[in-house]
C-alpha cells in the first residue's frame, strides 16, 4: 500500500484531516474567554492560553493541536502552541478556515 497524497484531492485530504482531528480530540475545542484575548476555555473544562507562536490571533473558537501543560497550582493554564481557527464550536470541519 502506498502512502501519500493525490495532488488532485488535496482539499479533500485536508478536510478529512480536520474532520478526524475534531472528532478525535473533541476536548481540545476551545472558546476565547473574551474577544481578542489569548485565554481560552477548552471543552474539557480546563483553561489555556494561546501562545504567540501559534499564529492564531482572532476567532472565537479554535481546535488546540499542540498543548503544553501548565505549571501546578490553582491559577495554572495550559499553553496552546498550535491551533486551528474554527468558525463555530460545532461547525462541520469542511467549513473551517486554514490551520495557523
PDB file of N, CA and C in Angstrom:
ATOM      1  N   UNK A   1       0.843  -1.175   0.000  1.00  0.00           N
ATOM      2  CA  UNK A   1       0.000   0.000   0.000  1.00  0.00           C
ATOM      3  C   UNK A   1       0.888   1.238   0.000  1.00  0.00           C
ATOM      4  N   UNK A   2       0.655   2.139  -0.889  1.00  0.00           N
ATOM      5  CA  UNK A   2       1.455   3.367  -0.985  1.00  0.00           C
ATOM      6  C   UNK A   2       0.832   4.449  -0.112  1.00  0.00           C
ATOM      7  N   UNK A   3       1.682   5.172   0.603  1.00  0.00           N
ATOM      8  CA  UNK A   3       1.231   6.275   1.435  1.00  0.00           C
ATOM      9  C   UNK A   3       1.593   7.564   0.740  1.00  0.00           C
ATOM     10  N   UNK A   4       0.696   8.491   0.707  1.00  0.00           N
ATOM     11  CA  UNK A   4       0.953   9.771   0.069  1.00  0.00           C
ATOM     12  C   UNK A   4      -0.357  10.462  -0.228  1.00  0.00           C
ATOM     13  N   UNK A   5      -0.248  11.608  -0.848  1.00  0.00           N
ATOM     14  CA  UNK A   5      -1.424  12.388  -1.174  1.00  0.00           C
ATOM     15  C   UNK A   5      -1.561  12.532  -2.675  1.00  0.00           C
ATOM     16  N   UNK A   6      -2.757  12.411  -3.138  1.00  0.00           N
ATOM     17  CA  UNK A   6      -3.070  12.649  -4.535  1.00  0.00           C
ATOM     18  C   UNK A   6      -3.260  14.151  -4.695  1.00  0.00           C
ATOM     19  N   UNK A   7      -2.445  14.784  -5.503  1.00  0.00           N
ATOM     20  CA  UNK A   7      -2.486  16.249  -5.656  1.00  0.00           C
ATOM     21  C   UNK A   7      -3.856  16.769  -6.065  1.00  0.00           C
ATOM     22  N   UNK A   8      -4.632  15.986  -6.789  1.00  0.00           N
ATOM     23  CA  UNK A   8      -5.944  16.460  -7.220  1.00  0.00           C
ATOM     24  C   UNK A   8      -6.952  16.460  -6.077  1.00  0.00           C
ATOM     25  N   UNK A   9      -6.653  15.758  -4.994  1.00  0.00           N
ATOM     26  CA  UNK A   9      -7.581  15.680  -3.871  1.00  0.00           C
ATOM     27  C   UNK A   9      -7.040  16.348  -2.614  1.00  0.00           C
ATOM     28  N   UNK A  10      -6.123  17.305  -2.755  1.00  0.00           N
ATOM     29  CA  UNK A  10      -5.537  17.959  -1.589  1.00  0.00           C
ATOM     30  C   UNK A  10      -6.585  18.566  -0.673  1.00  0.00           C
ATOM     31  N   UNK A  11      -7.567  19.265  -1.232  1.00  0.00           N
ATOM     32  CA  UNK A  11      -8.570  19.907  -0.379  1.00  0.00           C
ATOM     33  C   UNK A  11      -9.420  18.861   0.332  1.00  0.00           C
ATOM     34  N   UNK A  12      -9.696  17.753  -0.327  1.00  0.00           N
ATOM     35  CA  UNK A  12     -10.446  16.674   0.304  1.00  0.00           C
ATOM     36  C   UNK A  12      -9.629  16.038   1.419  1.00  0.00           C
ATOM     37  N   UNK A  13      -8.313  15.852   1.193  1.00  0.00           N
ATOM     38  CA  UNK A  13      -7.431  15.295   2.220  1.00  0.00           C
ATOM     39  C   UNK A  13      -7.357  16.219   3.427  1.00  0.00           C
ATOM     40  N   UNK A  14      -7.261  17.525   3.190  1.00  0.00           N
ATOM     41  CA  UNK A  14      -7.204  18.488   4.287  1.00  0.00           C
ATOM     42  C   UNK A  14      -8.510  18.495   5.066  1.00  0.00           C
ATOM     43  N   UNK A  15      -9.613  18.418   4.354  1.00  0.00           N
ATOM     44  CA  UNK A  15     -10.918  18.385   5.006  1.00  0.00           C
ATOM     45  C   UNK A  15     -11.053  17.123   5.855  1.00  0.00           C
ATOM     46  N   UNK A  16     -10.588  15.999   5.330  1.00  0.00           N
ATOM     47  CA  UNK A  16     -10.645  14.741   6.084  1.00  0.00           C
ATOM     48  C   UNK A  16      -9.785  14.814   7.332  1.00  0.00           C
ATOM     49  N   UNK A  17      -8.614  15.434   7.222  1.00  0.00           N
ATOM     50  CA  UNK A  17      -7.740  15.586   8.373  1.00  0.00           C
ATOM     51  C   UNK A  17      -8.386  16.467   9.440  1.00  0.00           C
ATOM     52  N   UNK A  18      -8.956  17.609   9.039  1.00  0.00           N
ATOM     53  CA  UNK A  18      -9.629  18.481  10.001  1.00  0.00           C
ATOM     54  C   UNK A  18     -10.778  17.755  10.687  1.00  0.00           C
ATOM     55  N   UNK A  19     -11.539  17.006   9.904  1.00  0.00           N
ATOM     56  CA  UNK A  19     -12.665  16.253  10.445  1.00  0.00           C
ATOM     57  C   UNK A  19     -12.167  15.214  11.455  1.00  0.00           C
ATOM     58  N   UNK A  20     -11.106  14.493  11.133  1.00  0.00           N
ATOM     59  CA  UNK A  20     -10.551  13.476  12.031  1.00  0.00           C
ATOM     60  C   UNK A  20     -10.030  14.102  13.325  1.00  0.00           C
ATOM     61  N   UNK A  21      -9.354  15.244  13.210  1.00  0.00           N
ATOM     62  CA  UNK A  21      -8.837  15.920  14.402  1.00  0.00           C
ATOM     63  C   UNK A  21      -9.964  16.378  15.311  1.00  0.00           C
ATOM     64  N   UNK A  22     -10.998  16.943  14.725  1.00  0.00           N
ATOM     65  CA  UNK A  22     -12.139  17.416  15.511  1.00  0.00           C
ATOM     66  C   UNK A  22     -12.812  16.276  16.259  1.00  0.00           C
ATOM     67  N   UNK A  23     -13.018  15.177  15.568  1.00  0.00           N
ATOM     68  CA  UNK A  23     -13.706  14.053  16.193  1.00  0.00           C
ATOM     69  C   UNK A  23     -12.788  13.209  17.069  1.00  0.00           C
ATOM     70  N   UNK A  24     -11.495  13.263  16.816  1.00  0.00           N
ATOM     71  CA  UNK A  24     -10.545  12.529  17.640  1.00  0.00           C
ATOM     72  C   UNK A  24     -10.193  13.240  18.932  1.00  0.00           C
ATOM     73  N   UNK A  25     -10.294  14.565  18.930  1.00  0.00           N
ATOM     74  CA  UNK A  25      -9.929  15.371  20.095  1.00  0.00           C
ATOM     75  C   UNK A  25     -11.010  16.397  20.426  1.00  0.00           C
ATOM     76  N   UNK A  26     -12.231  15.952  20.697  1.00  0.00           N
ATOM     77  CA  UNK A  26     -13.304  16.916  20.968  1.00  0.00           C
ATOM     78  C   UNK A  26     -13.045  17.761  22.211  1.00  0.00           C
ATOM     79  N   UNK A  27     -12.221  17.259  23.135  1.00  0.00           N
ATOM     80  CA  UNK A  27     -11.908  18.013  24.343  1.00  0.00           C
ATOM     81  C   UNK A  27     -10.966  19.174  24.070  1.00  0.00           C
ATOM     82  N   UNK A  28     -10.413  19.231  22.867  1.00  0.00           N
ATOM     83  CA  UNK A  28      -9.482  20.301  22.508  1.00  0.00           C
ATOM     84  C   UNK A  28     -10.163  21.482  21.811  1.00  0.00           C
ATOM     85  N   UNK A  29     -11.473  21.421  21.655  1.00  0.00           N
ATOM     86  CA  UNK A  29     -12.209  22.570  21.111  1.00  0.00           C
ATOM     87  C   UNK A  29     -12.259  23.624  22.205  1.00  0.00           C
ATOM     88  N   UNK A  30     -11.913  24.854  21.851  1.00  0.00           N
ATOM     89  CA  UNK A  30     -11.884  25.914  22.848  1.00  0.00           C
ATOM     90  C   UNK A  30     -12.613  27.162  22.394  1.00  0.00           C
ATOM     91  N   UNK A  31     -13.033  27.946  23.361  1.00  0.00           N
ATOM     92  CA  UNK A  31     -13.698  29.229  23.108  1.00  0.00           C
ATOM     93  C   UNK A  31     -12.945  30.298  23.884  1.00  0.00           C
ATOM     94  N   UNK A  32     -12.662  31.408  23.216  1.00  0.00           N
ATOM     95  CA  UNK A  32     -11.978  32.509  23.893  1.00  0.00           C
ATOM     96  C   UNK A  32     -12.844  33.034  25.030  1.00  0.00           C
ATOM     97  N   UNK A  33     -12.188  33.406  26.109  1.00  0.00           N
ATOM     98  CA  UNK A  33     -12.912  33.940  27.272  1.00  0.00           C
ATOM     99  C   UNK A  33     -13.412  35.356  27.014  1.00  0.00           C
ATOM    100  N   UNK A  34     -12.720  36.091  26.128  1.00  0.00           N
ATOM    101  CA  UNK A  34     -13.130  37.442  25.730  1.00  0.00           C
ATOM    102  C   UNK A  34     -12.592  37.696  24.324  1.00  0.00           C
ATOM    103  N   UNK A  35     -13.242  38.555  23.580  1.00  0.00           N
ATOM    104  CA  UNK A  35     -12.808  38.887  22.223  1.00  0.00           C
ATOM    105  C   UNK A  35     -11.368  39.389  22.242  1.00  0.00           C
ATOM    106  N   UNK A  36     -10.532  38.774  21.402  1.00  0.00           N
ATOM    107  CA  UNK A  36      -9.140  39.192  21.279  1.00  0.00           C
ATOM    108  C   UNK A  36      -8.225  38.690  22.378  1.00  0.00           C
ATOM    109  N   UNK A  37      -8.764  38.007  23.363  1.00  0.00           N
ATOM    110  CA  UNK A  37      -7.966  37.506  24.476  1.00  0.00           C
ATOM    111  C   UNK A  37      -7.257  36.212  24.084  1.00  0.00           C
ATOM    112  N   UNK A  38      -6.045  35.990  24.573  1.00  0.00           N
ATOM    113  CA  UNK A  38      -5.388  34.709  24.324  1.00  0.00           C
ATOM    114  C   UNK A  38      -5.913  33.603  25.248  1.00  0.00           C
ATOM    115  N   UNK A  39      -6.672  33.980  26.268  1.00  0.00           N
ATOM    116  CA  UNK A  39      -7.191  32.997  27.226  1.00  0.00           C
ATOM    117  C   UNK A  39      -8.404  32.270  26.646  1.00  0.00           C
ATOM    118  N   UNK A  40      -8.388  30.936  26.813  1.00  0.00           N
ATOM    119  CA  UNK A  40      -9.383  30.056  26.203  1.00  0.00           C
ATOM    120  C   UNK A  40      -9.932  29.095  27.256  1.00  0.00           C
ATOM    121  N   UNK A  41     -11.200  28.747  27.129  1.00  0.00           N
ATOM    122  CA  UNK A  41     -11.785  27.687  27.936  1.00  0.00           C
ATOM    123  C   UNK A  41     -11.981  26.496  27.009  1.00  0.00           C
ATOM    124  N   UNK A  42     -11.298  25.385  27.290  1.00  0.00           N
ATOM    125  CA  UNK A  42     -11.404  24.177  26.476  1.00  0.00           C
ATOM    126  C   UNK A  42     -12.653  23.391  26.850  1.00  0.00           C
ATOM    127  N   UNK A  43     -13.144  22.576  25.929  1.00  0.00           N
ATOM    128  CA  UNK A  43     -14.341  21.772  26.168  1.00  0.00           C
ATOM    129  C   UNK A  43     -14.154  20.830  27.352  1.00  0.00           C
ATOM    130  N   UNK A  44     -12.921  20.499  27.662  1.00  0.00           N
ATOM    131  CA  UNK A  44     -12.625  19.637  28.815  1.00  0.00           C
ATOM    132  C   UNK A  44     -12.889  20.342  30.136  1.00  0.00           C
ATOM    133  N   UNK A  45     -13.070  21.680  30.083  1.00  0.00           N
ATOM    134  CA  UNK A  45     -13.282  22.462  31.294  1.00  0.00           C
ATOM    135  C   UNK A  45     -12.022  23.127  31.799  1.00  0.00           C
ATOM    136  N   UNK A  46     -10.883  22.810  31.198  1.00  0.00           N
ATOM    137  CA  UNK A  46      -9.604  23.394  31.598  1.00  0.00           C
ATOM    138  C   UNK A  46      -9.348  24.701  30.856  1.00  0.00           C
ATOM    139  N   UNK A  47      -8.615  25.586  31.501  1.00  0.00           N
ATOM    140  CA  UNK A  47      -8.225  26.839  30.879  1.00  0.00           C
ATOM    141  C   UNK A  47      -6.903  26.678  30.150  1.00  0.00           C
ATOM    142  N   UNK A  48      -6.702  27.512  29.146  1.00  0.00           N
ATOM    143  CA  UNK A  48      -5.458  27.506  28.381  1.00  0.00           C
ATOM    144  C   UNK A  48      -5.248  28.907  27.820  1.00  0.00           C
ATOM    145  N   UNK A  49      -4.031  29.161  27.364  1.00  0.00           N
ATOM    146  CA  UNK A  49      -3.708  30.439  26.737  1.00  0.00           C
ATOM    147  C   UNK A  49      -3.060  30.166  25.388  1.00  0.00           C
ATOM    148  N   UNK A  50      -3.502  30.872  24.363  1.00  0.00           N
ATOM    149  CA  UNK A  50      -2.941  30.720  23.023  1.00  0.00           C
ATOM    150  C   UNK A  50      -1.592  31.437  22.996  1.00  0.00           C
ATOM    151  N   UNK A  51      -0.541  30.707  22.687  1.00  0.00           N
ATOM    152  CA  UNK A  51       0.808  31.277  22.626  1.00  0.00           C
ATOM    153  C   UNK A  51       0.976  32.091  21.351  1.00  0.00           C
ATOM    154  N   UNK A  52       1.841  33.092  21.403  1.00  0.00           N
ATOM    155  CA  UNK A  52       2.089  33.952  20.247  1.00  0.00           C
ATOM    156  C   UNK A  52       2.555  33.154  19.040  1.00  0.00           C
ATOM    157  N   UNK A  53       3.338  32.081  19.266  1.00  0.00           N
ATOM    158  CA  UNK A  53       3.866  31.311  18.141  1.00  0.00           C
ATOM    159  C   UNK A  53       2.804  30.492  17.410  1.00  0.00           C
ATOM    160  N   UNK A  54       1.588  30.416  17.951  1.00  0.00           N
ATOM    161  CA  UNK A  54       0.529  29.668  17.268  1.00  0.00           C
ATOM    162  C   UNK A  54       0.111  30.356  15.976  1.00  0.00           C
ATOM    163  N   UNK A  55       0.230  31.674  15.931  1.00  0.00           N
ATOM    164  CA  UNK A  55      -0.162  32.425  14.745  1.00  0.00           C
ATOM    165  C   UNK A  55      -1.646  32.766  14.699  1.00  0.00           C
ATOM    166  N   UNK A  56      -2.431  32.217  15.597  1.00  0.00           N
ATOM    167  CA  UNK A  56      -3.873  32.487  15.612  1.00  0.00           C
ATOM    168  C   UNK A  56      -4.131  33.676  16.524  1.00  0.00           C
ATOM    169  N   UNK A  57      -4.669  34.739  15.949  1.00  0.00           N
ATOM    170  CA  UNK A  57      -4.890  35.973  16.710  1.00  0.00           C
ATOM    171  C   UNK A  57      -6.363  36.296  16.925  1.00  0.00           C
ATOM    172  N   UNK A  58      -7.224  35.762  16.064  1.00  0.00           N
ATOM    173  CA  UNK A  58      -8.639  36.110  16.179  1.00  0.00           C
ATOM    174  C   UNK A  58      -9.494  34.853  16.099  1.00  0.00           C
ATOM    175  N   UNK A  59     -10.770  35.050  16.112  1.00  0.00           N
ATOM    176  CA  UNK A  59     -11.714  33.950  16.070  1.00  0.00           C
ATOM    177  C   UNK A  59     -12.143  33.552  17.470  1.00  0.00           C
ATOM    178  N   UNK A  60     -13.404  33.308  17.625  1.00  0.00           N
ATOM    179  CA  UNK A  60     -13.936  32.956  18.936  1.00  0.00           C
ATOM    180  C   UNK A  60     -13.628  31.511  19.314  1.00  0.00           C
ATOM    181  N   UNK A  61     -13.639  30.617  18.320  1.00  0.00           N
ATOM    182  CA  UNK A  61     -13.428  29.199  18.584  1.00  0.00           C
ATOM    183  C   UNK A  61     -12.142  28.712  17.916  1.00  0.00           C
ATOM    184  N   UNK A  62     -11.547  27.649  18.498  1.00  0.00           N
ATOM    185  CA  UNK A  62     -10.341  27.062  17.918  1.00  0.00           C
ATOM    186  C   UNK A  62     -10.240  25.602  18.316  1.00  0.00           C
ATOM    187  N   UNK A  63      -9.394  24.870  17.605  1.00  0.00           N
ATOM    188  CA  UNK A  63      -9.071  23.496  17.939  1.00  0.00           C
ATOM    189  C   UNK A  63      -7.600  23.473  18.306  1.00  0.00           C
ATOM    190  N   UNK A  64      -7.300  23.179  19.555  1.00  0.00           N
ATOM    191  CA  UNK A  64      -5.925  23.167  20.054  1.00  0.00           C
ATOM    192  C   UNK A  64      -5.228  21.895  19.584  1.00  0.00           C
ATOM    193  N   UNK A  65      -4.171  22.049  18.795  1.00  0.00           N
ATOM    194  CA  UNK A  65      -3.462  20.902  18.242  1.00  0.00           C
ATOM    195  C   UNK A  65      -2.226  20.528  19.048  1.00  0.00           C
ATOM    196  N   UNK A  66      -1.552  21.502  19.608  1.00  0.00           N
ATOM    197  CA  UNK A  66      -0.343  21.262  20.402  1.00  0.00           C
ATOM    198  C   UNK A  66      -0.502  22.010  21.714  1.00  0.00           C
ATOM    199  N   UNK A  67      -0.721  21.266  22.782  1.00  0.00           N
ATOM    200  CA  UNK A  67      -0.984  21.865  24.095  1.00  0.00           C
ATOM    201  C   UNK A  67       0.101  21.427  25.065  1.00  0.00           C
ATOM    202  N   UNK A  68       0.696  22.400  25.724  1.00  0.00           N
ATOM    203  CA  UNK A  68       1.719  22.135  26.739  1.00  0.00           C
ATOM    204  C   UNK A  68       1.090  22.382  28.102  1.00  0.00           C
ATOM    205  N   UNK A  69       1.195  21.404  28.989  1.00  0.00           N
ATOM    206  CA  UNK A  69       0.591  21.521  30.323  1.00  0.00           C
ATOM    207  C   UNK A  69       1.162  22.711  31.075  1.00  0.00           C
ATOM    208  N   UNK A  70       0.310  23.347  31.864  1.00  0.00           N
ATOM    209  CA  UNK A  70       0.744  24.465  32.691  1.00  0.00           C
ATOM    210  C   UNK A  70       1.419  23.970  33.957  1.00  0.00           C
ATOM    211  N   UNK A  71       2.015  24.896  34.678  1.00  0.00           N
ATOM    212  CA  UNK A  71       2.633  24.555  35.964  1.00  0.00           C
ATOM    213  C   UNK A  71       1.557  24.177  36.967  1.00  0.00           C
ATOM    214  N   UNK A  72       1.950  23.501  38.005  1.00  0.00           N
ATOM    215  CA  UNK A  72       0.997  23.106  39.039  1.00  0.00           C
ATOM    216  C   UNK A  72       0.525  24.321  39.818  1.00  0.00           C
ATOM    217  N   UNK A  73      -0.722  24.265  40.220  1.00  0.00           N
ATOM    218  CA  UNK A  73      -1.280  25.353  41.014  1.00  0.00           C
ATOM    219  C   UNK A  73      -2.688  25.678  40.560  1.00  0.00           C
ATOM    220  N   UNK A  74      -3.378  26.419  41.383  1.00  0.00           N
ATOM    221  CA  UNK A  74      -4.773  26.751  41.088  1.00  0.00           C
ATOM    222  C   UNK A  74      -4.943  27.643  39.871  1.00  0.00           C
ATOM    223  N   UNK A  75      -4.016  28.549  39.626  1.00  0.00           N
ATOM    224  CA  UNK A  75      -4.174  29.516  38.537  1.00  0.00           C
ATOM    225  C   UNK A  75      -3.391  29.123  37.284  1.00  0.00           C
ATOM    226  N   UNK A  76      -2.889  27.897  37.213  1.00  0.00           N
ATOM    227  CA  UNK A  76      -2.092  27.499  36.052  1.00  0.00           C
ATOM    228  C   UNK A  76      -2.989  27.223  34.850  1.00  0.00           C
ATOM    229  N   UNK A  77      -2.507  27.580  33.689  1.00  0.00           N
ATOM    230  CA  UNK A  77      -3.214  27.312  32.443  1.00  0.00           C
ATOM    231  C   UNK A  77      -2.249  26.634  31.485  1.00  0.00           C
ATOM    232  N   UNK A  78      -2.792  25.742  30.670  1.00  0.00           N
ATOM    233  CA  UNK A  78      -2.001  25.111  29.631  1.00  0.00           C
ATOM    234  C   UNK A  78      -1.666  26.158  28.566  1.00  0.00           C
ATOM    235  N   UNK A  79      -0.654  25.890  27.784  1.00  0.00           N
ATOM    236  CA  UNK A  79      -0.233  26.797  26.713  1.00  0.00           C
ATOM    237  C   UNK A  79      -0.498  26.130  25.374  1.00  0.00           C
ATOM    238  N   UNK A  80      -1.251  26.778  24.511  1.00  0.00           N
ATOM    239  CA  UNK A  80      -1.580  26.243  23.192  1.00  0.00           C
ATOM    240  C   UNK A  80      -0.539  26.767  22.204  1.00  0.00           C
ATOM    241  N   UNK A  81       0.305  25.863  21.696  1.00  0.00           N
ATOM    242  CA  UNK A  81       1.378  26.277  20.798  1.00  0.00           C
ATOM    243  C   UNK A  81       0.982  26.190  19.335  1.00  0.00           C
ATOM    244  N   UNK A  82      -0.012  25.401  19.006  1.00  0.00           N
ATOM    245  CA  UNK A  82      -0.512  25.300  17.634  1.00  0.00           C
ATOM    246  C   UNK A  82      -2.008  25.049  17.701  1.00  0.00           C
ATOM    247  N   UNK A  83      -2.755  25.764  16.869  1.00  0.00           N
ATOM    248  CA  UNK A  83      -4.197  25.585  16.863  1.00  0.00           C
ATOM    249  C   UNK A  83      -4.756  25.941  15.498  1.00  0.00           C
ATOM    250  N   UNK A  84      -6.002  25.594  15.316  1.00  0.00           N
ATOM    251  CA  UNK A  84      -6.723  25.869  14.081  1.00  0.00           C
ATOM    252  C   UNK A  84      -7.930  26.722  14.437  1.00  0.00           C
ATOM    253  N   UNK A  85      -8.067  27.848  13.766  1.00  0.00           N
ATOM    254  CA  UNK A  85      -9.225  28.720  13.963  1.00  0.00           C
ATOM    255  C   UNK A  85     -10.465  28.004  13.438  1.00  0.00           C
ATOM    256  N   UNK A  86     -11.573  28.075  14.173  1.00  0.00           N
ATOM    257  CA  UNK A  86     -12.831  27.464  13.757  1.00  0.00           C
ATOM    258  C   UNK A  86     -13.905  28.542  13.689  1.00  0.00           C
ATOM    259  N   UNK A  87     -14.796  28.398  12.762  1.00  0.00           N
ATOM    260  CA  UNK A  87     -15.890  29.363  12.641  1.00  0.00           C
ATOM    261  C   UNK A  87     -16.854  29.268  13.814  1.00  0.00           C
ATOM    262  N   UNK A  88     -17.138  28.053  14.234  1.00  0.00           N
ATOM    263  CA  UNK A  88     -18.028  27.861  15.378  1.00  0.00           C
ATOM    264  C   UNK A  88     -17.647  26.580  16.098  1.00  0.00           C
ATOM    265  N   UNK A  89     -18.164  26.417  17.278  1.00  0.00           N
ATOM    266  CA  UNK A  89     -17.824  25.260  18.101  1.00  0.00           C
ATOM    267  C   UNK A  89     -18.256  23.956  17.446  1.00  0.00           C
ATOM    268  N   UNK A  90     -19.419  23.944  16.833  1.00  0.00           N
ATOM    269  CA  UNK A  90     -19.973  22.712  16.280  1.00  0.00           C
ATOM    270  C   UNK A  90     -19.988  22.682  14.760  1.00  0.00           C
ATOM    271  N   UNK A  91     -19.303  23.627  14.125  1.00  0.00           N
ATOM    272  CA  UNK A  91     -19.311  23.684  12.658  1.00  0.00           C
ATOM    273  C   UNK A  91     -18.716  22.431  12.061  1.00  0.00           C
ATOM    274  N   UNK A  92     -19.237  22.042  10.925  1.00  0.00           N
ATOM    275  CA  UNK A  92     -18.678  20.912  10.183  1.00  0.00           C
ATOM    276  C   UNK A  92     -17.233  21.238   9.823  1.00  0.00           C
ATOM    277  N   UNK A  93     -16.334  20.301   9.996  1.00  0.00           N
ATOM    278  CA  UNK A  93     -14.905  20.518   9.747  1.00  0.00           C
ATOM    279  C   UNK A  93     -14.637  20.960   8.317  1.00  0.00           C
ATOM    280  N   UNK A  94     -15.525  20.652   7.376  1.00  0.00           N
ATOM    281  CA  UNK A  94     -15.328  21.049   5.988  1.00  0.00           C
ATOM    282  C   UNK A  94     -15.383  22.557   5.796  1.00  0.00           C
ATOM    283  N   UNK A  95     -15.955  23.278   6.748  1.00  0.00           N
ATOM    284  CA  UNK A  95     -16.137  24.715   6.590  1.00  0.00           C
ATOM    285  C   UNK A  95     -15.202  25.540   7.442  1.00  0.00           C
ATOM    286  N   UNK A  96     -14.210  24.915   8.067  1.00  0.00           N
ATOM    287  CA  UNK A  96     -13.252  25.636   8.902  1.00  0.00           C
ATOM    288  C   UNK A  96     -12.244  26.383   8.045  1.00  0.00           C
ATOM    289  N   UNK A  97     -11.565  27.326   8.664  1.00  0.00           N
ATOM    290  CA  UNK A  97     -10.509  28.033   7.974  1.00  0.00           C
ATOM    291  C   UNK A  97      -9.217  27.255   8.091  1.00  0.00           C
ATOM    292  N   UNK A  98      -8.185  27.690   7.414  1.00  0.00           N
ATOM    293  CA  UNK A  98      -6.905  27.002   7.401  1.00  0.00           C
ATOM    294  C   UNK A  98      -6.248  26.994   8.756  1.00  0.00           C
ATOM    295  N   UNK A  99      -5.382  26.006   8.962  1.00  0.00           N
ATOM    296  CA  UNK A  99      -4.596  25.903  10.202  1.00  0.00           C
ATOM    297  C   UNK A  99      -3.587  27.030  10.215  1.00  0.00           C
ATOM    298  N   UNK A 100      -3.416  27.617  11.366  1.00  0.00           N
ATOM    299  CA  UNK A 100      -2.438  28.691  11.518  1.00  0.00           C
ATOM    300  C   UNK A 100      -1.337  28.243  12.426  1.00  0.00           C
TER     301      UNK A 100
END
